[in-house]
């Protein structure tokens, strides 16, 4: 469901959906925004270090979510 919601950025490492507006407005620390957008992981997967949460197959969903949220910017 999360990858179909407009406004969510999908973590490239664990697939966790992050609200795009929330990323820019306090859902995470400012220093965490760029790694999430760059596909380096998120706080839920310890930025790719929690091997139990990190699965393959989210990179395409991550890039698709970035494209969906970049229209008009």
N, C-alpha and C. Protein backbone atom coordinates (compact mmCIF):
# COMPACT_ATOMS: atom_id res chain seq x y z
N UNK A 1 0.82 -1.19 0.00
CA UNK A 1 0.00 0.00 0.00
C UNK A 1 0.86 1.25 0.00
N UNK A 2 1.94 1.31 0.78
CA UNK A 2 2.75 2.50 0.93
C UNK A 2 3.32 3.03 -0.36
N UNK A 3 3.74 2.15 -1.27
CA UNK A 3 4.36 2.62 -2.50
C UNK A 3 3.34 3.25 -3.46
N UNK A 4 2.05 3.02 -3.23
CA UNK A 4 1.03 3.57 -4.10
C UNK A 4 0.53 4.92 -3.61
N UNK A 5 0.95 5.34 -2.44
CA UNK A 5 0.45 6.58 -1.87
C UNK A 5 1.30 7.74 -2.37
N UNK A 6 0.66 8.68 -3.06
CA UNK A 6 1.37 9.86 -3.52
C UNK A 6 1.86 10.62 -2.30
N UNK A 7 3.08 11.03 -2.32
CA UNK A 7 3.63 11.78 -1.21
C UNK A 7 4.59 10.97 -0.38
N UNK A 8 4.63 9.65 -0.55
CA UNK A 8 5.55 8.82 0.21
C UNK A 8 6.83 8.59 -0.57
N UNK A 9 7.94 8.66 0.15
CA UNK A 9 9.24 8.27 -0.37
C UNK A 9 9.53 6.91 0.24
N UNK A 10 9.82 5.93 -0.59
CA UNK A 10 10.07 4.57 -0.13
C UNK A 10 11.55 4.40 0.18
N UNK A 11 11.86 3.91 1.37
CA UNK A 11 13.25 3.64 1.72
C UNK A 11 13.81 2.58 0.77
N UNK A 12 14.96 2.86 0.20
CA UNK A 12 15.59 1.95 -0.76
C UNK A 12 16.11 0.68 -0.09
N UNK A 13 16.31 0.71 1.21
CA UNK A 13 16.88 -0.44 1.92
C UNK A 13 15.82 -1.34 2.53
N UNK A 14 14.80 -0.74 3.19
CA UNK A 14 13.82 -1.57 3.91
C UNK A 14 12.38 -1.42 3.41
N UNK A 15 12.13 -0.46 2.54
CA UNK A 15 10.79 -0.28 2.00
C UNK A 15 9.85 0.54 2.85
N UNK A 16 10.33 1.10 3.94
CA UNK A 16 9.49 1.93 4.82
C UNK A 16 9.04 3.18 4.05
N UNK A 17 7.73 3.49 4.08
CA UNK A 17 7.26 4.71 3.42
C UNK A 17 7.46 5.92 4.33
N UNK A 18 7.99 7.00 3.76
CA UNK A 18 8.18 8.25 4.47
C UNK A 18 7.42 9.35 3.74
N UNK A 19 6.60 10.07 4.46
CA UNK A 19 5.85 11.18 3.88
C UNK A 19 6.83 12.26 3.42
N UNK A 20 6.77 12.63 2.15
CA UNK A 20 7.71 13.59 1.60
C UNK A 20 7.64 14.92 2.34
N UNK A 21 6.44 15.41 2.58
CA UNK A 21 6.29 16.67 3.32
C UNK A 21 6.89 16.53 4.72
N UNK A 22 6.62 15.41 5.36
CA UNK A 22 7.13 15.18 6.71
C UNK A 22 8.64 15.12 6.78
N UNK A 23 9.28 14.59 5.73
CA UNK A 23 10.74 14.56 5.71
C UNK A 23 11.32 15.97 5.78
N UNK A 24 10.64 16.89 5.15
CA UNK A 24 11.11 18.27 5.11
C UNK A 24 10.62 19.10 6.30
N UNK A 25 9.70 18.53 7.08
CA UNK A 25 9.07 19.31 8.15
C UNK A 25 9.03 18.58 9.50
N UNK A 26 10.12 17.92 9.86
CA UNK A 26 10.26 17.44 11.22
C UNK A 26 10.02 15.98 11.53
N UNK A 27 9.66 15.14 10.55
CA UNK A 27 9.48 13.72 10.85
C UNK A 27 10.80 13.04 11.20
N UNK A 28 11.89 13.56 10.67
CA UNK A 28 13.24 13.06 10.96
C UNK A 28 14.14 14.25 11.21
N UNK A 29 15.32 13.97 11.74
CA UNK A 29 16.30 15.03 11.94
C UNK A 29 16.78 15.52 10.57
N UNK A 30 17.14 16.78 10.49
CA UNK A 30 17.55 17.36 9.21
C UNK A 30 18.72 16.61 8.58
N UNK A 31 19.64 16.11 9.37
CA UNK A 31 20.79 15.38 8.82
C UNK A 31 20.40 13.99 8.29
N UNK A 32 19.18 13.54 8.57
CA UNK A 32 18.72 12.24 8.10
C UNK A 32 17.98 12.32 6.76
N UNK A 33 17.58 13.51 6.35
CA UNK A 33 16.78 13.67 5.13
C UNK A 33 17.57 13.25 3.89
N UNK A 34 18.75 13.80 3.72
CA UNK A 34 19.53 13.52 2.51
C UNK A 34 19.84 12.03 2.35
N UNK A 35 20.29 11.30 3.39
CA UNK A 35 20.52 9.87 3.21
C UNK A 35 19.26 9.10 2.78
N UNK A 36 18.10 9.50 3.31
CA UNK A 36 16.86 8.83 2.90
C UNK A 36 16.60 9.09 1.42
N UNK A 37 16.72 10.34 1.00
CA UNK A 37 16.47 10.68 -0.40
C UNK A 37 17.52 10.09 -1.33
N UNK A 38 18.73 9.90 -0.83
CA UNK A 38 19.82 9.33 -1.64
C UNK A 38 19.78 7.81 -1.70
N UNK A 39 18.84 7.18 -1.00
CA UNK A 39 18.71 5.73 -1.05
C UNK A 39 19.67 5.00 -0.13
N UNK A 40 20.15 5.67 0.90
CA UNK A 40 21.11 5.08 1.82
C UNK A 40 20.45 4.42 3.04
N UNK A 41 19.13 4.42 3.07
CA UNK A 41 18.40 3.85 4.19
C UNK A 41 17.69 4.91 4.99
N UNK A 42 17.09 4.49 6.10
CA UNK A 42 16.31 5.39 6.95
C UNK A 42 16.51 4.98 8.41
N UNK A 43 15.94 5.74 9.35
CA UNK A 43 16.07 5.37 10.76
C UNK A 43 15.49 3.99 11.08
N UNK A 44 14.47 3.55 10.34
CA UNK A 44 13.85 2.24 10.62
C UNK A 44 14.80 1.07 10.39
N UNK A 45 15.71 1.21 9.42
CA UNK A 45 16.65 0.14 9.12
C UNK A 45 18.07 0.53 9.53
N UNK A 46 18.18 1.54 10.38
CA UNK A 46 19.48 2.03 10.85
C UNK A 46 20.37 2.36 9.64
N UNK A 47 19.77 3.01 8.66
CA UNK A 47 20.45 3.45 7.44
C UNK A 47 21.22 2.32 6.77
N UNK A 48 20.50 1.20 6.64
CA UNK A 48 21.05 0.05 5.93
C UNK A 48 21.86 -0.90 6.78
N UNK A 49 22.00 -0.63 8.07
CA UNK A 49 22.83 -1.46 8.94
C UNK A 49 22.06 -2.58 9.63
N UNK A 50 20.73 -2.53 9.66
CA UNK A 50 19.92 -3.58 10.27
C UNK A 50 19.60 -4.62 9.19
N UNK A 51 20.41 -5.63 9.12
CA UNK A 51 20.30 -6.63 8.04
C UNK A 51 18.99 -7.41 8.09
N UNK A 52 18.35 -7.49 9.27
CA UNK A 52 17.06 -8.18 9.36
C UNK A 52 15.96 -7.41 8.65
N UNK A 53 16.05 -6.09 8.62
CA UNK A 53 15.02 -5.27 7.99
C UNK A 53 15.32 -4.97 6.53
N UNK A 54 16.58 -5.05 6.15
CA UNK A 54 16.97 -4.70 4.78
C UNK A 54 16.74 -5.90 3.85
N UNK A 55 15.98 -5.68 2.85
CA UNK A 55 15.68 -6.70 1.85
C UNK A 55 15.99 -6.13 0.48
N UNK A 56 16.21 -6.96 -0.48
CA UNK A 56 16.42 -6.51 -1.85
C UNK A 56 15.09 -6.17 -2.49
N UNK A 57 15.13 -5.36 -3.49
CA UNK A 57 13.93 -5.11 -4.28
C UNK A 57 13.24 -3.79 -4.03
N UNK A 58 13.77 -2.94 -3.18
CA UNK A 58 13.12 -1.66 -2.91
C UNK A 58 13.71 -0.50 -3.70
N UNK A 59 14.83 -0.70 -4.37
CA UNK A 59 15.49 0.40 -5.06
C UNK A 59 14.63 0.96 -6.19
N UNK A 60 13.94 0.10 -6.93
CA UNK A 60 13.07 0.59 -8.00
C UNK A 60 11.89 1.36 -7.43
N UNK A 61 11.30 0.85 -6.35
CA UNK A 61 10.20 1.57 -5.70
C UNK A 61 10.69 2.91 -5.14
N UNK A 62 11.93 2.93 -4.63
CA UNK A 62 12.50 4.17 -4.11
C UNK A 62 12.59 5.21 -5.21
N UNK A 63 13.19 4.85 -6.35
CA UNK A 63 13.34 5.80 -7.45
C UNK A 63 11.98 6.22 -8.01
N UNK A 64 11.04 5.29 -8.11
CA UNK A 64 9.70 5.63 -8.58
C UNK A 64 9.03 6.63 -7.64
N UNK A 65 9.22 6.43 -6.34
CA UNK A 65 8.61 7.36 -5.38
C UNK A 65 9.25 8.74 -5.47
N UNK A 66 10.56 8.80 -5.75
CA UNK A 66 11.21 10.09 -5.95
C UNK A 66 10.64 10.80 -7.18
N UNK A 67 10.46 10.04 -8.26
CA UNK A 67 9.89 10.63 -9.47
C UNK A 67 8.47 11.12 -9.24
N UNK A 68 7.66 10.34 -8.53
CA UNK A 68 6.28 10.72 -8.26
C UNK A 68 6.19 12.00 -7.45
N UNK A 69 7.19 12.25 -6.63
CA UNK A 69 7.16 13.43 -5.76
C UNK A 69 7.94 14.61 -6.30
N UNK A 70 8.57 14.46 -7.44
CA UNK A 70 9.37 15.55 -7.98
C UNK A 70 8.66 16.33 -9.08
N UNK A 71 7.46 15.92 -9.43
CA UNK A 71 6.72 16.62 -10.48
C UNK A 71 6.49 18.06 -10.07
N UNK A 72 6.84 18.97 -10.95
CA UNK A 72 6.61 20.38 -10.69
C UNK A 72 7.71 21.03 -9.88
N UNK A 73 8.76 20.29 -9.53
CA UNK A 73 9.85 20.89 -8.76
C UNK A 73 11.08 21.03 -9.62
